Amino acid sequence: MVRNAAVAPLSTPESDYQAGRCNIGPAEIARRRRFGHASAVTAVALFALLLLTDAPGWLRLLLFLPAAGAAAGYLQAAFHFCADYGWRGVFNLDRPAGHGNVQSVADADARRADRRMALFIGLSSAAVGTLVALIALLV
């Protein structure tokens, strides 16, 4: 049974820049999600290759890179926030994806909030990469 209900307008990431919370729009979000997918596939393929070739266990630490990349892509997509843009003090909410299509963040407090979020994403991605690499090492 389908009910007819009033639907509230969706809040979209492109509606407004929010310091430390949203600095990319739909095209940029999709781009980071694709990067997360590609990095996750790379991590799985590398792990399979290392297992199939009976490579030395320490080489499994290489999984850090694609696992951290996958985490970075997915976190940026989930938070609607580009860590690189946050570090550089820019945002891109409605233009086609690309580093050349950005606007500057003028407010110093907003730039600080953006850098805190960028640091959070970077450290979280590194933690995920480390965890995956260590688990792979133990397998």
N, C-alpha and C. Protein backbone atom coordinates (compact mmCIF):
# COMPACT_ATOMS: atom_id res chain seq x y z
N MET A 1 0.83 -1.17 0.00
CA MET A 1 0.00 0.00 0.00
C MET A 1 0.89 1.25 0.00
N VAL A 2 0.63 2.14 -0.91
CA VAL A 2 1.40 3.37 -1.02
C VAL A 2 0.57 4.51 -0.45
N ARG A 3 1.17 5.27 0.43
CA ARG A 3 0.49 6.41 1.01
C ARG A 3 0.93 7.67 0.31
N ASN A 4 0.01 8.57 0.15
CA ASN A 4 0.35 9.89 -0.39
C ASN A 4 0.75 10.77 0.78
N ALA A 5 1.97 11.17 0.78
CA ALA A 5 2.46 12.02 1.86
C ALA A 5 3.12 13.24 1.27
N ALA A 6 3.04 14.30 2.00
CA ALA A 6 3.72 15.52 1.56
C ALA A 6 5.22 15.28 1.66
N VAL A 7 5.91 15.61 0.62
CA VAL A 7 7.35 15.40 0.58
C VAL A 7 8.04 16.74 0.78
N ALA A 8 8.88 16.78 1.80
CA ALA A 8 9.63 18.01 2.05
C ALA A 8 10.72 18.15 1.01
N PRO A 9 11.05 19.36 0.62
CA PRO A 9 12.14 19.51 -0.35
C PRO A 9 13.43 18.95 0.21
N LEU A 10 14.17 18.29 -0.65
CA LEU A 10 15.43 17.70 -0.23
C LEU A 10 16.49 18.78 -0.04
N SER A 11 17.28 18.58 0.97
CA SER A 11 18.41 19.47 1.16
C SER A 11 19.53 18.93 0.29
N THR A 12 20.03 19.73 -0.58
CA THR A 12 21.06 19.27 -1.50
C THR A 12 22.40 19.90 -1.15
N PRO A 13 23.48 19.17 -1.41
CA PRO A 13 24.79 19.71 -1.08
C PRO A 13 25.13 20.97 -1.86
N GLU A 14 24.52 21.14 -3.03
CA GLU A 14 24.86 22.31 -3.83
C GLU A 14 24.13 23.56 -3.35
N SER A 15 23.25 23.43 -2.36
CA SER A 15 22.45 24.56 -1.94
C SER A 15 23.28 25.67 -1.31
N ASP A 16 24.33 25.32 -0.57
CA ASP A 16 25.11 26.37 0.07
C ASP A 16 26.40 25.79 0.64
N TYR A 17 27.46 26.55 0.53
CA TYR A 17 28.72 26.18 1.15
C TYR A 17 28.54 26.26 2.66
N GLN A 18 29.06 25.26 3.39
CA GLN A 18 29.00 25.26 4.85
C GLN A 18 30.40 24.95 5.36
N ALA A 19 30.99 25.88 6.03
CA ALA A 19 32.36 25.74 6.52
C ALA A 19 32.52 24.48 7.35
N GLY A 20 33.51 23.66 6.98
CA GLY A 20 33.80 22.44 7.72
C GLY A 20 32.78 21.34 7.55
N ARG A 21 31.78 21.57 6.70
CA ARG A 21 30.71 20.57 6.55
C ARG A 21 30.40 20.22 5.10
N CYS A 22 30.45 21.16 4.20
CA CYS A 22 30.09 20.89 2.80
C CYS A 22 30.82 21.87 1.90
N ASN A 23 31.73 21.33 1.06
CA ASN A 23 32.43 22.22 0.15
C ASN A 23 32.44 21.71 -1.29
N ILE A 24 31.66 20.64 -1.57
CA ILE A 24 31.56 20.13 -2.94
C ILE A 24 30.10 19.80 -3.26
N GLY A 25 29.78 19.87 -4.54
CA GLY A 25 28.45 19.57 -5.02
C GLY A 25 28.37 18.18 -5.64
N PRO A 26 27.26 17.88 -6.30
CA PRO A 26 26.99 16.54 -6.81
C PRO A 26 28.04 15.96 -7.76
N ALA A 27 28.56 16.77 -8.67
CA ALA A 27 29.56 16.25 -9.62
C ALA A 27 30.85 15.86 -8.89
N GLU A 28 31.25 16.68 -7.95
CA GLU A 28 32.46 16.39 -7.18
C GLU A 28 32.24 15.20 -6.24
N ILE A 29 31.07 15.09 -5.67
CA ILE A 29 30.75 13.96 -4.79
C ILE A 29 30.83 12.66 -5.58
N ALA A 30 30.23 12.65 -6.76
CA ALA A 30 30.26 11.45 -7.61
C ALA A 30 31.69 11.09 -7.98
N ARG A 31 32.50 12.08 -8.25
CA ARG A 31 33.90 11.84 -8.61
C ARG A 31 34.66 11.17 -7.47
N ARG A 32 34.41 11.60 -6.25
CA ARG A 32 35.09 10.98 -5.10
C ARG A 32 34.57 9.58 -4.82
N ARG A 33 33.27 9.37 -5.03
CA ARG A 33 32.71 8.03 -4.87
C ARG A 33 33.34 7.06 -5.88
N ARG A 34 33.49 7.51 -7.12
CA ARG A 34 34.14 6.66 -8.15
C ARG A 34 35.57 6.34 -7.75
N PHE A 35 36.28 7.31 -7.22
CA PHE A 35 37.64 7.08 -6.76
C PHE A 35 37.66 6.05 -5.63
N GLY A 36 36.71 6.13 -4.72
CA GLY A 36 36.59 5.15 -3.64
C GLY A 36 36.38 3.75 -4.19
N HIS A 37 35.47 3.64 -5.17
CA HIS A 37 35.22 2.33 -5.79
C HIS A 37 36.48 1.78 -6.45
N ALA A 38 37.15 2.62 -7.23
CA ALA A 38 38.35 2.17 -7.94
C ALA A 38 39.45 1.75 -6.95
N SER A 39 39.60 2.50 -5.89
CA SER A 39 40.62 2.17 -4.90
C SER A 39 40.28 0.89 -4.15
N ALA A 40 39.01 0.68 -3.84
CA ALA A 40 38.59 -0.55 -3.16
C ALA A 40 38.83 -1.76 -4.05
N VAL A 41 38.50 -1.66 -5.32
CA VAL A 41 38.75 -2.76 -6.26
C VAL A 41 40.25 -3.03 -6.36
N THR A 42 41.05 -1.97 -6.40
CA THR A 42 42.50 -2.12 -6.46
C THR A 42 43.02 -2.84 -5.22
N ALA A 43 42.50 -2.49 -4.05
CA ALA A 43 42.94 -3.13 -2.80
C ALA A 43 42.61 -4.63 -2.81
N VAL A 44 41.41 -4.96 -3.23
CA VAL A 44 41.01 -6.37 -3.28
C VAL A 44 41.86 -7.14 -4.30
N ALA A 45 42.07 -6.55 -5.47
CA ALA A 45 42.87 -7.20 -6.50
C ALA A 45 44.32 -7.39 -6.04
N LEU A 46 44.88 -6.37 -5.40
CA LEU A 46 46.25 -6.48 -4.91
C LEU A 46 46.35 -7.56 -3.84
N PHE A 47 45.40 -7.61 -2.94
CA PHE A 47 45.41 -8.63 -1.89
C PHE A 47 45.34 -10.03 -2.51
N ALA A 48 44.46 -10.20 -3.48
CA ALA A 48 44.34 -11.50 -4.16
C ALA A 48 45.64 -11.86 -4.86
N LEU A 49 46.25 -10.91 -5.53
CA LEU A 49 47.50 -11.15 -6.24
C LEU A 49 48.61 -11.55 -5.26
N LEU A 50 48.69 -10.86 -4.14
CA LEU A 50 49.72 -11.18 -3.15
C LEU A 50 49.51 -12.58 -2.56
N LEU A 51 48.25 -12.95 -2.36
CA LEU A 51 47.97 -14.30 -1.84
C LEU A 51 48.27 -15.37 -2.88
N LEU A 52 47.84 -15.13 -4.13
CA LEU A 52 48.02 -16.13 -5.19
C LEU A 52 49.48 -16.36 -5.56
N THR A 53 50.30 -15.32 -5.44
CA THR A 53 51.71 -15.45 -5.81
C THR A 53 52.58 -15.84 -4.62
N ASP A 54 51.93 -16.03 -3.48
CA ASP A 54 52.65 -16.40 -2.25
C ASP A 54 53.78 -15.41 -1.96
N ALA A 55 53.46 -14.13 -2.13
CA ALA A 55 54.43 -13.06 -1.88
C ALA A 55 54.74 -12.99 -0.38
N PRO A 56 55.90 -12.46 -0.05
CA PRO A 56 56.24 -12.32 1.37
C PRO A 56 55.15 -11.51 2.11
N GLY A 57 54.88 -11.89 3.34
CA GLY A 57 53.82 -11.26 4.11
C GLY A 57 53.96 -9.76 4.25
N TRP A 58 55.20 -9.28 4.38
CA TRP A 58 55.39 -7.84 4.59
C TRP A 58 54.89 -7.01 3.40
N LEU A 59 54.81 -7.64 2.21
CA LEU A 59 54.31 -6.90 1.04
C LEU A 59 52.83 -6.55 1.18
N ARG A 60 52.14 -7.24 2.07
CA ARG A 60 50.72 -6.94 2.28
C ARG A 60 50.53 -5.55 2.88
N LEU A 61 51.60 -4.99 3.43
CA LEU A 61 51.51 -3.63 3.96
C LEU A 61 51.25 -2.62 2.84
N LEU A 62 51.53 -3.02 1.59
CA LEU A 62 51.24 -2.15 0.45
C LEU A 62 49.75 -1.87 0.31
N LEU A 63 48.94 -2.70 0.94
CA LEU A 63 47.49 -2.49 0.88
C LEU A 63 47.08 -1.18 1.56
N PHE A 64 47.99 -0.63 2.35
CA PHE A 64 47.70 0.66 3.00
C PHE A 64 47.25 1.69 1.97
N LEU A 65 47.98 1.79 0.86
CA LEU A 65 47.71 2.86 -0.12
C LEU A 65 46.32 2.78 -0.74
N PRO A 66 45.95 1.66 -1.37
CA PRO A 66 44.60 1.65 -1.96
C PRO A 66 43.50 1.64 -0.91
N ALA A 67 43.74 1.04 0.26
CA ALA A 67 42.71 1.05 1.31
C ALA A 67 42.49 2.47 1.84
N ALA A 68 43.57 3.20 2.06
CA ALA A 68 43.45 4.59 2.51
C ALA A 68 42.80 5.44 1.43
N GLY A 69 43.14 5.17 0.18
CA GLY A 69 42.51 5.90 -0.93
C GLY A 69 41.02 5.65 -1.00
N ALA A 70 40.62 4.38 -0.82
CA ALA A 70 39.19 4.06 -0.83
C ALA A 70 38.48 4.78 0.31
N ALA A 71 39.08 4.74 1.50
CA ALA A 71 38.47 5.42 2.64
C ALA A 71 38.35 6.92 2.38
N ALA A 72 39.39 7.52 1.81
CA ALA A 72 39.36 8.95 1.52
C ALA A 72 38.24 9.28 0.54
N GLY A 73 38.13 8.49 -0.51
CA GLY A 73 37.07 8.74 -1.50
C GLY A 73 35.69 8.62 -0.90
N TYR A 74 35.46 7.54 -0.15
CA TYR A 74 34.14 7.33 0.44
C TYR A 74 33.82 8.36 1.52
N LEU A 75 34.79 8.71 2.35
CA LEU A 75 34.54 9.72 3.39
C LEU A 75 34.23 11.08 2.77
N GLN A 76 34.97 11.45 1.75
CA GLN A 76 34.71 12.74 1.11
C GLN A 76 33.33 12.75 0.46
N ALA A 77 32.95 11.65 -0.16
CA ALA A 77 31.61 11.58 -0.77
C ALA A 77 30.53 11.63 0.31
N ALA A 78 30.74 10.90 1.40
CA ALA A 78 29.73 10.85 2.47
C ALA A 78 29.57 12.21 3.16
N PHE A 79 30.67 12.90 3.37
CA PHE A 79 30.63 14.18 4.07
C PHE A 79 30.39 15.37 3.13
N HIS A 80 30.38 15.12 1.82
CA HIS A 80 30.25 16.20 0.83
C HIS A 80 31.35 17.23 1.04
N PHE A 81 32.55 16.70 1.27
CA PHE A 81 33.66 17.57 1.62
C PHE A 81 34.95 17.05 1.01
N CYS A 82 35.62 17.89 0.23
CA CYS A 82 36.90 17.54 -0.37
C CYS A 82 38.02 17.99 0.55
N ALA A 83 38.84 17.05 0.99
CA ALA A 83 39.94 17.38 1.89
C ALA A 83 40.94 18.33 1.23
N ASP A 84 41.26 18.09 -0.02
CA ASP A 84 42.20 18.97 -0.72
C ASP A 84 41.65 20.39 -0.80
N TYR A 85 40.39 20.53 -1.16
CA TYR A 85 39.78 21.86 -1.21
C TYR A 85 39.81 22.51 0.17
N GLY A 86 39.56 21.71 1.20
CA GLY A 86 39.58 22.23 2.56
C GLY A 86 40.94 22.79 2.93
N TRP A 87 42.01 22.08 2.56
CA TRP A 87 43.37 22.56 2.84
C TRP A 87 43.66 23.83 2.07
N ARG A 88 43.17 23.89 0.83
CA ARG A 88 43.48 25.05 -0.02
C ARG A 88 42.57 26.24 0.20
N GLY A 89 41.49 26.08 0.97
CA GLY A 89 40.57 27.19 1.23
C GLY A 89 39.70 27.53 0.05
N VAL A 90 39.22 26.49 -0.65
CA VAL A 90 38.34 26.71 -1.79
C VAL A 90 37.15 25.76 -1.70
N PHE A 91 36.15 25.99 -2.55
CA PHE A 91 35.00 25.09 -2.64
C PHE A 91 34.46 25.09 -4.06
N ASN A 92 33.66 24.07 -4.39
CA ASN A 92 33.06 23.94 -5.71
C ASN A 92 31.73 23.22 -5.54
N LEU A 93 30.64 23.98 -5.56
CA LEU A 93 29.33 23.40 -5.31
C LEU A 93 28.49 23.18 -6.56
N ASP A 94 28.70 23.94 -7.60
CA ASP A 94 27.77 23.83 -8.72
C ASP A 94 28.42 23.82 -10.09
N ARG A 95 29.70 23.81 -10.14
CA ARG A 95 30.39 23.81 -11.43
C ARG A 95 30.82 22.40 -11.77
N PRO A 96 31.12 22.12 -13.03
CA PRO A 96 31.61 20.78 -13.38
C PRO A 96 32.85 20.43 -12.56
N ALA A 97 33.00 19.15 -12.24
CA ALA A 97 34.12 18.71 -11.42
C ALA A 97 35.44 19.10 -12.07
N GLY A 98 36.36 19.53 -11.25
CA GLY A 98 37.69 19.89 -11.74
C GLY A 98 38.32 20.93 -10.86
N HIS A 99 39.62 20.83 -10.71
CA HIS A 99 40.32 21.74 -9.80
C HIS A 99 40.31 23.18 -10.28
N GLY A 100 40.05 23.43 -11.54
CA GLY A 100 40.06 24.80 -12.03
C GLY A 100 38.76 25.54 -11.76
N ASN A 101 37.72 24.84 -11.36
CA ASN A 101 36.41 25.45 -11.17
C ASN A 101 36.09 25.61 -9.69
N VAL A 102 36.86 26.40 -9.01
CA VAL A 102 36.67 26.56 -7.57
C VAL A 102 36.52 28.03 -7.22
N GLN A 103 35.93 28.26 -6.04
CA GLN A 103 35.80 29.61 -5.50
C GLN A 103 36.54 29.65 -4.18
N SER A 104 37.10 30.80 -3.84
CA SER A 104 37.86 30.94 -2.60
C SER A 104 36.94 31.14 -1.41
N VAL A 105 37.38 30.62 -0.27
CA VAL A 105 36.72 30.86 1.01
C VAL A 105 37.38 32.10 1.61
N ALA A 106 36.60 33.14 1.79
CA ALA A 106 37.16 34.41 2.24
C ALA A 106 37.35 34.47 3.76
N ASP A 107 36.46 33.89 4.52
CA ASP A 107 36.46 34.00 5.97
C ASP A 107 37.53 33.12 6.61
N ALA A 108 38.35 33.70 7.48
CA ALA A 108 39.44 32.95 8.14
C ALA A 108 38.90 31.84 9.04
N ASP A 109 37.81 32.09 9.76
CA ASP A 109 37.22 31.05 10.62
C ASP A 109 36.71 29.89 9.79
N ALA A 110 36.12 30.18 8.65
CA ALA A 110 35.63 29.12 7.76
C ALA A 110 36.80 28.30 7.23
N ARG A 111 37.90 28.95 6.88
CA ARG A 111 39.08 28.22 6.40
C ARG A 111 39.63 27.31 7.49
N ARG A 112 39.63 27.78 8.74
CA ARG A 112 40.09 26.93 9.85
C ARG A 112 39.17 25.72 10.03
N ALA A 113 37.87 25.93 9.95
CA ALA A 113 36.92 24.81 10.06
C ALA A 113 37.13 23.81 8.93
N ASP A 114 37.39 24.32 7.73
CA ASP A 114 37.64 23.44 6.59
C ASP A 114 38.92 22.63 6.79
N ARG A 115 39.94 23.25 7.32
CA ARG A 115 41.20 22.53 7.56
C ARG A 115 41.04 21.46 8.64
N ARG A 116 40.23 21.74 9.65
CA ARG A 116 39.97 20.71 10.68
C ARG A 116 39.28 19.50 10.06
N MET A 117 38.30 19.75 9.20
CA MET A 117 37.59 18.63 8.55
C MET A 117 38.53 17.90 7.61
N ALA A 118 39.38 18.61 6.88
CA ALA A 118 40.34 17.98 5.98
C ALA A 118 41.30 17.10 6.78
N LEU A 119 41.74 17.58 7.92
CA LEU A 119 42.63 16.79 8.79
C LEU A 119 41.91 15.55 9.30
N PHE A 120 40.66 15.69 9.69
CA PHE A 120 39.87 14.54 10.15
C PHE A 120 39.77 13.48 9.05
N ILE A 121 39.47 13.90 7.84
CA ILE A 121 39.35 12.95 6.73
C ILE A 121 40.69 12.29 6.45
N GLY A 122 41.76 13.06 6.45
CA GLY A 122 43.09 12.50 6.21
C GLY A 122 43.51 11.50 7.26
N LEU A 123 43.32 11.85 8.53
CA LEU A 123 43.69 10.93 9.60
C LEU A 123 42.80 9.68 9.62
N SER A 124 41.53 9.86 9.36
CA SER A 124 40.61 8.71 9.32
C SER A 124 40.98 7.77 8.18
N SER A 125 41.31 8.32 7.04
CA SER A 125 41.70 7.51 5.89
C SER A 125 42.98 6.74 6.19
N ALA A 126 43.94 7.41 6.82
CA ALA A 126 45.19 6.74 7.18
C ALA A 126 44.93 5.63 8.20
N ALA A 127 44.04 5.86 9.13
CA ALA A 127 43.71 4.83 10.12
C ALA A 127 43.09 3.61 9.45
N VAL A 128 42.18 3.83 8.51
CA VAL A 128 41.56 2.71 7.79
C VAL A 128 42.62 1.96 6.99
N GLY A 129 43.48 2.69 6.28
CA GLY A 129 44.54 2.05 5.51
C GLY A 129 45.46 1.22 6.38
N THR A 130 45.82 1.76 7.54
CA THR A 130 46.68 1.03 8.47
C THR A 130 46.00 -0.22 8.98
N LEU A 131 44.74 -0.10 9.36
CA LEU A 131 43.99 -1.25 9.86
C LEU A 131 43.89 -2.36 8.82
N VAL A 132 43.56 -1.99 7.59
CA VAL A 132 43.45 -2.98 6.51
C VAL A 132 44.80 -3.66 6.27
N ALA A 133 45.86 -2.89 6.22
CA ALA A 133 47.19 -3.45 5.98
C ALA A 133 47.60 -4.39 7.10
N LEU A 134 47.34 -4.02 8.33
CA LEU A 134 47.71 -4.88 9.46
C LEU A 134 46.88 -6.16 9.49
N ILE A 135 45.60 -6.06 9.18
CA ILE A 135 44.76 -7.27 9.11
C ILE A 135 45.26 -8.17 8.00
N ALA A 136 45.59 -7.60 6.84
CA ALA A 136 46.11 -8.40 5.73
C ALA A 136 47.42 -9.07 6.11
N LEU A 137 48.23 -8.40 6.88
CA LEU A 137 49.51 -8.96 7.33
C LEU A 137 49.29 -10.19 8.21
N LEU A 138 48.23 -10.16 9.01
CA LEU A 138 47.92 -11.27 9.92
C LEU A 138 47.24 -12.45 9.23
N VAL A 139 46.69 -12.23 8.07
CA VAL A 139 45.97 -13.32 7.37
C VAL A 139 46.93 -14.31 6.80
